[in-house]
């Protein structure tokens, strides 16, 4: 998916868009958010681990996480730059 299409979908579904990045190999340990989240990887890679299963997302791939679902995040060896959409209460 491209950024223009992703941003249009976020706006249509009531999400606020934020540009984000993580340094190479940075890890966010298991946590949950108080908001629904969607993301589009722009550069690099991001691995999401949820319920014991890990999946790596690369450029052009999207991911959705409902509020309250526990997960961990790890940037790839080149880091990751992504566009995040948030909807609902802040974390």
PDB file of N, CA and C in Angstrom:
ATOM      1  N   UNK A   1       0.852  -1.174   0.000  1.00  0.00           N
ATOM      2  CA  UNK A   1       0.000   0.000   0.000  1.00  0.00           C
ATOM      3  C   UNK A   1       0.897   1.236   0.000  1.00  0.00           C
ATOM      4  N   UNK A   2       0.463   2.286  -0.654  1.00  0.00           N
ATOM      5  CA  UNK A   2       1.264   3.507  -0.643  1.00  0.00           C
ATOM      6  C   UNK A   2       0.764   4.470   0.448  1.00  0.00           C
ATOM      7  N   UNK A   3       1.606   5.426   0.767  1.00  0.00           N
ATOM      8  CA  UNK A   3       1.337   6.345   1.867  1.00  0.00           C
ATOM      9  C   UNK A   3       0.058   7.163   1.647  1.00  0.00           C
ATOM     10  N   UNK A   4      -0.166   7.641   0.431  1.00  0.00           N
ATOM     11  CA  UNK A   4      -1.354   8.459   0.142  1.00  0.00           C
ATOM     12  C   UNK A   4      -2.629   7.676   0.410  1.00  0.00           C
ATOM     13  N   UNK A   5      -2.679   6.447  -0.060  1.00  0.00           N
ATOM     14  CA  UNK A   5      -3.851   5.598   0.153  1.00  0.00           C
ATOM     15  C   UNK A   5      -4.036   5.301   1.646  1.00  0.00           C
ATOM     16  N   UNK A   6      -2.944   4.992   2.344  1.00  0.00           N
ATOM     17  CA  UNK A   6      -3.005   4.685   3.772  1.00  0.00           C
ATOM     18  C   UNK A   6      -3.518   5.892   4.565  1.00  0.00           C
ATOM     19  N   UNK A   7      -2.983   7.080   4.283  1.00  0.00           N
ATOM     20  CA  UNK A   7      -3.425   8.287   4.987  1.00  0.00           C
ATOM     21  C   UNK A   7      -4.904   8.568   4.726  1.00  0.00           C
ATOM     22  N   UNK A   8      -5.371   8.331   3.507  1.00  0.00           N
ATOM     23  CA  UNK A   8      -6.786   8.539   3.188  1.00  0.00           C
ATOM     24  C   UNK A   8      -7.661   7.570   3.978  1.00  0.00           C
ATOM     25  N   UNK A   9      -7.236   6.309   4.072  1.00  0.00           N
ATOM     26  CA  UNK A   9      -7.993   5.324   4.843  1.00  0.00           C
ATOM     27  C   UNK A   9      -8.018   5.680   6.326  1.00  0.00           C
ATOM     28  N   UNK A  10      -6.879   6.141   6.852  1.00  0.00           N
ATOM     29  CA  UNK A  10      -6.848   6.551   8.257  1.00  0.00           C
ATOM     30  C   UNK A  10      -7.846   7.671   8.513  1.00  0.00           C
ATOM     31  N   UNK A  11      -7.799   8.697   7.684  1.00  0.00           N
ATOM     32  CA  UNK A  11      -8.698   9.843   7.855  1.00  0.00           C
ATOM     33  C   UNK A  11     -10.154   9.409   7.753  1.00  0.00           C
ATOM     34  N   UNK A  12     -10.455   8.553   6.787  1.00  0.00           N
ATOM     35  CA  UNK A  12     -11.821   8.084   6.585  1.00  0.00           C
ATOM     36  C   UNK A  12     -12.340   7.288   7.790  1.00  0.00           C
ATOM     37  N   UNK A  13     -11.439   6.579   8.472  1.00  0.00           N
ATOM     38  CA  UNK A  13     -11.825   5.735   9.601  1.00  0.00           C
ATOM     39  C   UNK A  13     -11.622   6.399  10.961  1.00  0.00           C
ATOM     40  N   UNK A  14     -11.297   7.702  10.971  1.00  0.00           N
ATOM     41  CA  UNK A  14     -11.193   8.441  12.222  1.00  0.00           C
ATOM     42  C   UNK A  14      -9.892   8.287  12.976  1.00  0.00           C
ATOM     43  N   UNK A  15      -8.816   7.941  12.291  1.00  0.00           N
ATOM     44  CA  UNK A  15      -7.495   7.807  12.915  1.00  0.00           C
ATOM     45  C   UNK A  15      -6.691   9.090  12.741  1.00  0.00           C
ATOM     46  N   UNK A  16      -5.878   9.409  13.739  1.00  0.00           N
ATOM     47  CA  UNK A  16      -4.901  10.496  13.631  1.00  0.00           C
ATOM     48  C   UNK A  16      -3.581   9.883  13.162  1.00  0.00           C
ATOM     49  N   UNK A  17      -2.918  10.499  12.190  1.00  0.00           N
ATOM     50  CA  UNK A  17      -1.668   9.967  11.637  1.00  0.00           C
ATOM     51  C   UNK A  17      -0.459  10.612  12.303  1.00  0.00           C
ATOM     52  N   UNK A  18       0.548   9.783  12.584  1.00  0.00           N
ATOM     53  CA  UNK A  18       1.794  10.242  13.203  1.00  0.00           C
ATOM     54  C   UNK A  18       2.969   9.570  12.510  1.00  0.00           C
ATOM     55  N   UNK A  19       4.003  10.335  12.176  1.00  0.00           N
ATOM     56  CA  UNK A  19       5.232   9.763  11.626  1.00  0.00           C
ATOM     57  C   UNK A  19       6.084   9.285  12.800  1.00  0.00           C
ATOM     58  N   UNK A  20       6.600   8.074  12.697  1.00  0.00           N
ATOM     59  CA  UNK A  20       7.377   7.474  13.777  1.00  0.00           C
ATOM     60  C   UNK A  20       8.599   6.760  13.210  1.00  0.00           C
ATOM     61  N   UNK A  21       9.566   6.498  14.094  1.00  0.00           N
ATOM     62  CA  UNK A  21      10.723   5.696  13.716  1.00  0.00           C
ATOM     63  C   UNK A  21      11.307   5.040  14.956  1.00  0.00           C
ATOM     64  N   UNK A  22      12.055   3.966  14.727  1.00  0.00           N
ATOM     65  CA  UNK A  22      12.809   3.297  15.776  1.00  0.00           C
ATOM     66  C   UNK A  22      14.225   3.094  15.263  1.00  0.00           C
ATOM     67  N   UNK A  23      15.181   3.230  16.153  1.00  0.00           N
ATOM     68  CA  UNK A  23      16.589   3.018  15.819  1.00  0.00           C
ATOM     69  C   UNK A  23      16.834   1.537  15.493  1.00  0.00           C
ATOM     70  N   UNK A  24      17.936   1.235  14.811  1.00  0.00           N
ATOM     71  CA  UNK A  24      18.249  -0.160  14.493  1.00  0.00           C
ATOM     72  C   UNK A  24      18.196  -1.060  15.728  1.00  0.00           C
ATOM     73  N   UNK A  25      17.504  -2.179  15.582  1.00  0.00           N
ATOM     74  CA  UNK A  25      17.373  -3.215  16.603  1.00  0.00           C
ATOM     75  C   UNK A  25      16.697  -2.764  17.898  1.00  0.00           C
ATOM     76  N   UNK A  26      16.093  -1.583  17.919  1.00  0.00           N
ATOM     77  CA  UNK A  26      15.390  -1.104  19.119  1.00  0.00           C
ATOM     78  C   UNK A  26      14.215  -2.031  19.418  1.00  0.00           C
ATOM     79  N   UNK A  27      13.954  -2.222  20.702  1.00  0.00           N
ATOM     80  CA  UNK A  27      12.876  -3.104  21.137  1.00  0.00           C
ATOM     81  C   UNK A  27      11.943  -2.356  22.078  1.00  0.00           C
ATOM     82  N   UNK A  28      10.654  -2.537  21.875  1.00  0.00           N
ATOM     83  CA  UNK A  28       9.631  -2.103  22.822  1.00  0.00           C
ATOM     84  C   UNK A  28       9.081  -3.384  23.425  1.00  0.00           C
ATOM     85  N   UNK A  29       9.377  -3.649  24.714  1.00  0.00           N
ATOM     86  CA  UNK A  29       8.902  -4.892  25.323  1.00  0.00           C
ATOM     87  C   UNK A  29       7.384  -4.984  25.310  1.00  0.00           C
ATOM     88  N   UNK A  30       6.884  -6.154  25.646  1.00  0.00           N
ATOM     89  CA  UNK A  30       5.446  -6.391  25.594  1.00  0.00           C
ATOM     90  C   UNK A  30       4.675  -5.297  26.340  1.00  0.00           C
ATOM     91  N   UNK A  31       3.630  -4.810  25.675  1.00  0.00           N
ATOM     92  CA  UNK A  31       2.803  -3.727  26.208  1.00  0.00           C
ATOM     93  C   UNK A  31       1.476  -3.726  25.467  1.00  0.00           C
ATOM     94  N   UNK A  32       0.563  -2.876  25.898  1.00  0.00           N
ATOM     95  CA  UNK A  32      -0.714  -2.689  25.218  1.00  0.00           C
ATOM     96  C   UNK A  32      -0.984  -1.193  25.149  1.00  0.00           C
ATOM     97  N   UNK A  33      -1.757  -0.785  24.168  1.00  0.00           N
ATOM     98  CA  UNK A  33      -2.138   0.616  24.004  1.00  0.00           C
ATOM     99  C   UNK A  33      -3.606   0.793  24.369  1.00  0.00           C
ATOM    100  N   UNK A  34      -3.950   2.000  24.781  1.00  0.00           N
ATOM    101  CA  UNK A  34      -5.334   2.340  25.063  1.00  0.00           C
ATOM    102  C   UNK A  34      -6.037   2.895  23.845  1.00  0.00           C
ATOM    103  N   UNK A  35      -5.544   2.581  22.657  1.00  0.00           N
ATOM    104  CA  UNK A  35      -6.116   3.063  21.403  1.00  0.00           C
ATOM    105  C   UNK A  35      -5.947   1.996  20.334  1.00  0.00           C
ATOM    106  N   UNK A  36      -6.814   2.028  19.334  1.00  0.00           N
ATOM    107  CA  UNK A  36      -6.639   1.182  18.152  1.00  0.00           C
ATOM    108  C   UNK A  36      -5.481   1.754  17.343  1.00  0.00           C
ATOM    109  N   UNK A  37      -4.649   0.890  16.793  1.00  0.00           N
ATOM    110  CA  UNK A  37      -3.493   1.349  16.017  1.00  0.00           C
ATOM    111  C   UNK A  37      -3.439   0.653  14.664  1.00  0.00           C
ATOM    112  N   UNK A  38      -2.986   1.400  13.674  1.00  0.00           N
ATOM    113  CA  UNK A  38      -2.655   0.861  12.353  1.00  0.00           C
ATOM    114  C   UNK A  38      -1.300   1.437  11.983  1.00  0.00           C
ATOM    115  N   UNK A  39      -0.516   0.688  11.230  1.00  0.00           N
ATOM    116  CA  UNK A  39       0.749   1.256  10.768  1.00  0.00           C
ATOM    117  C   UNK A  39       1.073   0.812   9.363  1.00  0.00           C
ATOM    118  N   UNK A  40       1.832   1.661   8.711  1.00  0.00           N
ATOM    119  CA  UNK A  40       2.363   1.405   7.377  1.00  0.00           C
ATOM    120  C   UNK A  40       3.863   1.574   7.462  1.00  0.00           C
ATOM    121  N   UNK A  41       4.610   0.514   7.150  1.00  0.00           N
ATOM    122  CA  UNK A  41       6.072   0.604   7.151  1.00  0.00           C
ATOM    123  C   UNK A  41       6.506   1.353   5.894  1.00  0.00           C
ATOM    124  N   UNK A  42       7.310   2.399   6.100  1.00  0.00           N
ATOM    125  CA  UNK A  42       7.820   3.202   4.991  1.00  0.00           C
ATOM    126  C   UNK A  42       9.219   2.762   4.578  1.00  0.00           C
ATOM    127  N   UNK A  43      10.080   2.484   5.565  1.00  0.00           N
ATOM    128  CA  UNK A  43      11.460   2.042   5.309  1.00  0.00           C
ATOM    129  C   UNK A  43      11.884   1.102   6.420  1.00  0.00           C
ATOM    130  N   UNK A  44      12.741   0.137   6.100  1.00  0.00           N
ATOM    131  CA  UNK A  44      13.252  -0.781   7.110  1.00  0.00           C
ATOM    132  C   UNK A  44      12.274  -1.908   7.380  1.00  0.00           C
ATOM    133  N   UNK A  45      12.343  -2.426   8.614  1.00  0.00           N
ATOM    134  CA  UNK A  45      11.494  -3.554   8.987  1.00  0.00           C
ATOM    135  C   UNK A  45      11.106  -3.442  10.457  1.00  0.00           C
ATOM    136  N   UNK A  46       9.912  -3.968  10.770  1.00  0.00           N
ATOM    137  CA  UNK A  46       9.404  -3.986  12.131  1.00  0.00           C
ATOM    138  C   UNK A  46       8.792  -5.352  12.385  1.00  0.00           C
ATOM    139  N   UNK A  47       9.254  -6.007  13.452  1.00  0.00           N
ATOM    140  CA  UNK A  47       8.706  -7.299  13.850  1.00  0.00           C
ATOM    141  C   UNK A  47       7.757  -7.086  15.014  1.00  0.00           C
ATOM    142  N   UNK A  48       6.539  -7.589  14.863  1.00  0.00           N
ATOM    143  CA  UNK A  48       5.517  -7.530  15.902  1.00  0.00           C
ATOM    144  C   UNK A  48       5.336  -8.950  16.431  1.00  0.00           C
ATOM    145  N   UNK A  49       5.429  -9.100  17.754  1.00  0.00           N
ATOM    146  CA  UNK A  49       5.183 -10.391  18.388  1.00  0.00           C
ATOM    147  C   UNK A  49       3.923 -10.269  19.220  1.00  0.00           C
ATOM    148  N   UNK A  50       2.970 -11.161  18.948  1.00  0.00           N
ATOM    149  CA  UNK A  50       1.667 -11.126  19.605  1.00  0.00           C
ATOM    150  C   UNK A  50       1.213 -12.563  19.820  1.00  0.00           C
ATOM    151  N   UNK A  51       0.824 -12.890  21.040  1.00  0.00           N
ATOM    152  CA  UNK A  51       0.367 -14.253  21.355  1.00  0.00           C
ATOM    153  C   UNK A  51       1.412 -15.310  20.978  1.00  0.00           C
ATOM    154  N   UNK A  52       2.694 -14.988  21.162  1.00  0.00           N
ATOM    155  CA  UNK A  52       3.763 -15.933  20.897  1.00  0.00           C
ATOM    156  C   UNK A  52       4.171 -16.077  19.443  1.00  0.00           C
ATOM    157  N   UNK A  53       3.499 -15.385  18.539  1.00  0.00           N
ATOM    158  CA  UNK A  53       3.835 -15.461  17.114  1.00  0.00           C
ATOM    159  C   UNK A  53       4.441 -14.140  16.662  1.00  0.00           C
ATOM    160  N   UNK A  54       5.537 -14.222  15.921  1.00  0.00           N
ATOM    161  CA  UNK A  54       6.217 -13.027  15.412  1.00  0.00           C
ATOM    162  C   UNK A  54       6.029 -12.919  13.909  1.00  0.00           C
ATOM    163  N   UNK A  55       5.835 -11.677  13.445  1.00  0.00           N
ATOM    164  CA  UNK A  55       5.751 -11.417  12.003  1.00  0.00           C
ATOM    165  C   UNK A  55       6.498 -10.134  11.708  1.00  0.00           C
ATOM    166  N   UNK A  56       7.305 -10.149  10.666  1.00  0.00           N
ATOM    167  CA  UNK A  56       8.072  -8.979  10.259  1.00  0.00           C
ATOM    168  C   UNK A  56       7.380  -8.308   9.085  1.00  0.00           C
ATOM    169  N   UNK A  57       7.250  -6.983   9.187  1.00  0.00           N
ATOM    170  CA  UNK A  57       6.610  -6.157   8.163  1.00  0.00           C
ATOM    171  C   UNK A  57       7.671  -5.281   7.519  1.00  0.00           C
ATOM    172  N   UNK A  58       7.623  -5.190   6.193  1.00  0.00           N
ATOM    173  CA  UNK A  58       8.562  -4.374   5.437  1.00  0.00           C
ATOM    174  C   UNK A  58       7.849  -3.254   4.715  1.00  0.00           C
ATOM    175  N   UNK A  59       8.591  -2.484   3.925  1.00  0.00           N
ATOM    176  CA  UNK A  59       8.014  -1.335   3.224  1.00  0.00           C
ATOM    177  C   UNK A  59       6.756  -1.685   2.428  1.00  0.00           C
ATOM    178  N   UNK A  60       5.724  -0.861   2.625  1.00  0.00           N
ATOM    179  CA  UNK A  60       4.460  -1.039   1.928  1.00  0.00           C
ATOM    180  C   UNK A  60       3.481  -1.957   2.636  1.00  0.00           C
ATOM    181  N   UNK A  61       3.928  -2.629   3.697  1.00  0.00           N
ATOM    182  CA  UNK A  61       3.039  -3.534   4.422  1.00  0.00           C
ATOM    183  C   UNK A  61       2.374  -2.796   5.579  1.00  0.00           C
ATOM    184  N   UNK A  62       1.151  -3.211   5.886  1.00  0.00           N
ATOM    185  CA  UNK A  62       0.371  -2.581   6.944  1.00  0.00           C
ATOM    186  C   UNK A  62       0.065  -3.581   8.048  1.00  0.00           C
ATOM    187  N   UNK A  63      -0.278  -3.029   9.212  1.00  0.00           N
ATOM    188  CA  UNK A  63      -0.583  -3.835  10.382  1.00  0.00           C
ATOM    189  C   UNK A  63      -1.637  -3.120  11.203  1.00  0.00           C
ATOM    190  N   UNK A  64      -2.543  -3.865  11.817  1.00  0.00           N
ATOM    191  CA  UNK A  64      -3.559  -3.283  12.697  1.00  0.00           C
ATOM    192  C   UNK A  64      -3.526  -3.986  14.042  1.00  0.00           C
ATOM    193  N   UNK A  65      -3.709  -3.208  15.117  1.00  0.00           N
ATOM    194  CA  UNK A  65      -3.710  -3.748  16.479  1.00  0.00           C
ATOM    195  C   UNK A  65      -4.844  -3.084  17.251  1.00  0.00           C
ATOM    196  N   UNK A  66      -5.791  -3.868  17.763  1.00  0.00           N
ATOM    197  CA  UNK A  66      -6.877  -3.266  18.543  1.00  0.00           C
ATOM    198  C   UNK A  66      -6.389  -2.804  19.907  1.00  0.00           C
ATOM    199  N   UNK A  67      -7.066  -1.843  20.475  1.00  0.00           N
ATOM    200  CA  UNK A  67      -6.745  -1.349  21.816  1.00  0.00           C
ATOM    201  C   UNK A  67      -6.748  -2.515  22.801  1.00  0.00           C
ATOM    202  N   UNK A  68      -5.783  -2.493  23.715  1.00  0.00           N
ATOM    203  CA  UNK A  68      -5.731  -3.474  24.782  1.00  0.00           C
ATOM    204  C   UNK A  68      -5.023  -4.773  24.466  1.00  0.00           C
ATOM    205  N   UNK A  69      -4.660  -5.029  23.219  1.00  0.00           N
ATOM    206  CA  UNK A  69      -3.992  -6.282  22.861  1.00  0.00           C
ATOM    207  C   UNK A  69      -2.497  -6.177  23.139  1.00  0.00           C
ATOM    208  N   UNK A  70      -1.984  -7.122  23.899  1.00  0.00           N
ATOM    209  CA  UNK A  70      -0.565  -7.104  24.271  1.00  0.00           C
ATOM    210  C   UNK A  70       0.293  -7.551  23.087  1.00  0.00           C
ATOM    211  N   UNK A  71       1.433  -6.868  22.922  1.00  0.00           N
ATOM    212  CA  UNK A  71       2.352  -7.165  21.828  1.00  0.00           C
ATOM    213  C   UNK A  71       3.710  -6.547  22.140  1.00  0.00           C
ATOM    214  N   UNK A  72       4.736  -6.981  21.418  1.00  0.00           N
ATOM    215  CA  UNK A  72       6.082  -6.406  21.498  1.00  0.00           C
ATOM    216  C   UNK A  72       6.494  -5.992  20.094  1.00  0.00           C
ATOM    217  N   UNK A  73       7.428  -5.044  20.019  1.00  0.00           N
ATOM    218  CA  UNK A  73       7.895  -4.509  18.735  1.00  0.00           C
ATOM    219  C   UNK A  73       9.413  -4.528  18.699  1.00  0.00           C
ATOM    220  N   UNK A  74       9.991  -4.879  17.557  1.00  0.00           N
ATOM    221  CA  UNK A  74      11.433  -4.810  17.380  1.00  0.00           C
ATOM    222  C   UNK A  74      11.753  -4.318  15.978  1.00  0.00           C
ATOM    223  N   UNK A  75      12.578  -3.273  15.922  1.00  0.00           N
ATOM    224  CA  UNK A  75      13.031  -2.742  14.638  1.00  0.00           C
ATOM    225  C   UNK A  75      14.076  -3.675  14.052  1.00  0.00           C
ATOM    226  N   UNK A  76      14.168  -3.660  12.739  1.00  0.00           N
ATOM    227  CA  UNK A  76      15.168  -4.454  12.047  1.00  0.00           C
ATOM    228  C   UNK A  76      16.559  -3.850  12.170  1.00  0.00           C
ATOM    229  N   UNK A  77      17.567  -4.483  11.564  1.00  0.00           N
ATOM    230  CA  UNK A  77      18.955  -4.030  11.682  1.00  0.00           C
ATOM    231  C   UNK A  77      19.212  -2.652  11.069  1.00  0.00           C
ATOM    232  N   UNK A  78      18.339  -2.192  10.182  1.00  0.00           N
ATOM    233  CA  UNK A  78      18.482  -0.853   9.605  1.00  0.00           C
ATOM    234  C   UNK A  78      17.508   0.135  10.255  1.00  0.00           C
ATOM    235  N   UNK A  79      16.813  -0.301  11.321  1.00  0.00           N
ATOM    236  CA  UNK A  79      15.794   0.540  11.934  1.00  0.00           C
ATOM    237  C   UNK A  79      14.505   0.466  11.141  1.00  0.00           C
ATOM    238  N   UNK A  80      13.580   1.328  11.504  1.00  0.00           N
ATOM    239  CA  UNK A  80      12.298   1.358  10.798  1.00  0.00           C
ATOM    240  C   UNK A  80      11.732   2.767  10.855  1.00  0.00           C
ATOM    241  N   UNK A  81      11.131   3.170   9.751  1.00  0.00           N
ATOM    242  CA  UNK A  81      10.383   4.426   9.679  1.00  0.00           C
ATOM    243  C   UNK A  81       8.981   4.043   9.233  1.00  0.00           C
ATOM    244  N   UNK A  82       7.970   4.531   9.972  1.00  0.00           N
ATOM    245  CA  UNK A  82       6.599   4.127   9.660  1.00  0.00           C
ATOM    246  C   UNK A  82       5.616   5.244   9.951  1.00  0.00           C
ATOM    247  N   UNK A  83       4.448   5.096   9.387  1.00  0.00           N
ATOM    248  CA  UNK A  83       3.332   6.005   9.636  1.00  0.00           C
ATOM    249  C   UNK A  83       2.354   5.251  10.513  1.00  0.00           C
ATOM    250  N   UNK A  84       2.022   5.831  11.675  1.00  0.00           N
ATOM    251  CA  UNK A  84       1.110   5.179  12.618  1.00  0.00           C
ATOM    252  C   UNK A  84      -0.205   5.933  12.650  1.00  0.00           C
ATOM    253  N   UNK A  85      -1.280   5.203  12.732  1.00  0.00           N
ATOM    254  CA  UNK A  85      -2.602   5.778  12.925  1.00  0.00           C
ATOM    255  C   UNK A  85      -3.122   5.368  14.290  1.00  0.00           C
ATOM    256  N   UNK A  86      -3.700   6.331  15.030  1.00  0.00           N
ATOM    257  CA  UNK A  86      -4.262   6.054  16.350  1.00  0.00           C
ATOM    258  C   UNK A  86      -5.690   6.528  16.389  1.00  0.00           C
ATOM    259  N   UNK A  87      -6.539   5.708  17.016  1.00  0.00           N
ATOM    260  CA  UNK A  87      -7.945   6.079  17.167  1.00  0.00           C
ATOM    261  C   UNK A  87      -8.394   5.660  18.559  1.00  0.00           C
ATOM    262  N   UNK A  88      -9.016   6.580  19.275  1.00  0.00           N
ATOM    263  CA  UNK A  88      -9.518   6.289  20.605  1.00  0.00           C
ATOM    264  C   UNK A  88      -8.701   6.977  21.674  1.00  0.00           C
ATOM    265  N   UNK A  89      -8.833   6.520  22.903  1.00  0.00           N
ATOM    266  CA  UNK A  89      -8.149   7.134  24.046  1.00  0.00           C
ATOM    267  C   UNK A  89      -6.638   6.998  23.921  1.00  0.00           C
ATOM    268  N   UNK A  90      -5.921   7.944  24.511  1.00  0.00           N
ATOM    269  CA  UNK A  90      -4.448   7.897  24.514  1.00  0.00           C
ATOM    270  C   UNK A  90      -3.970   6.814  25.459  1.00  0.00           C
ATOM    271  N   UNK A  91      -2.740   6.354  25.242  1.00  0.00           N
ATOM    272  CA  UNK A  91      -2.169   5.323  26.116  1.00  0.00           C
ATOM    273  C   UNK A  91      -1.609   5.919  27.378  1.00  0.00           C
TER     274      UNK A  91
END
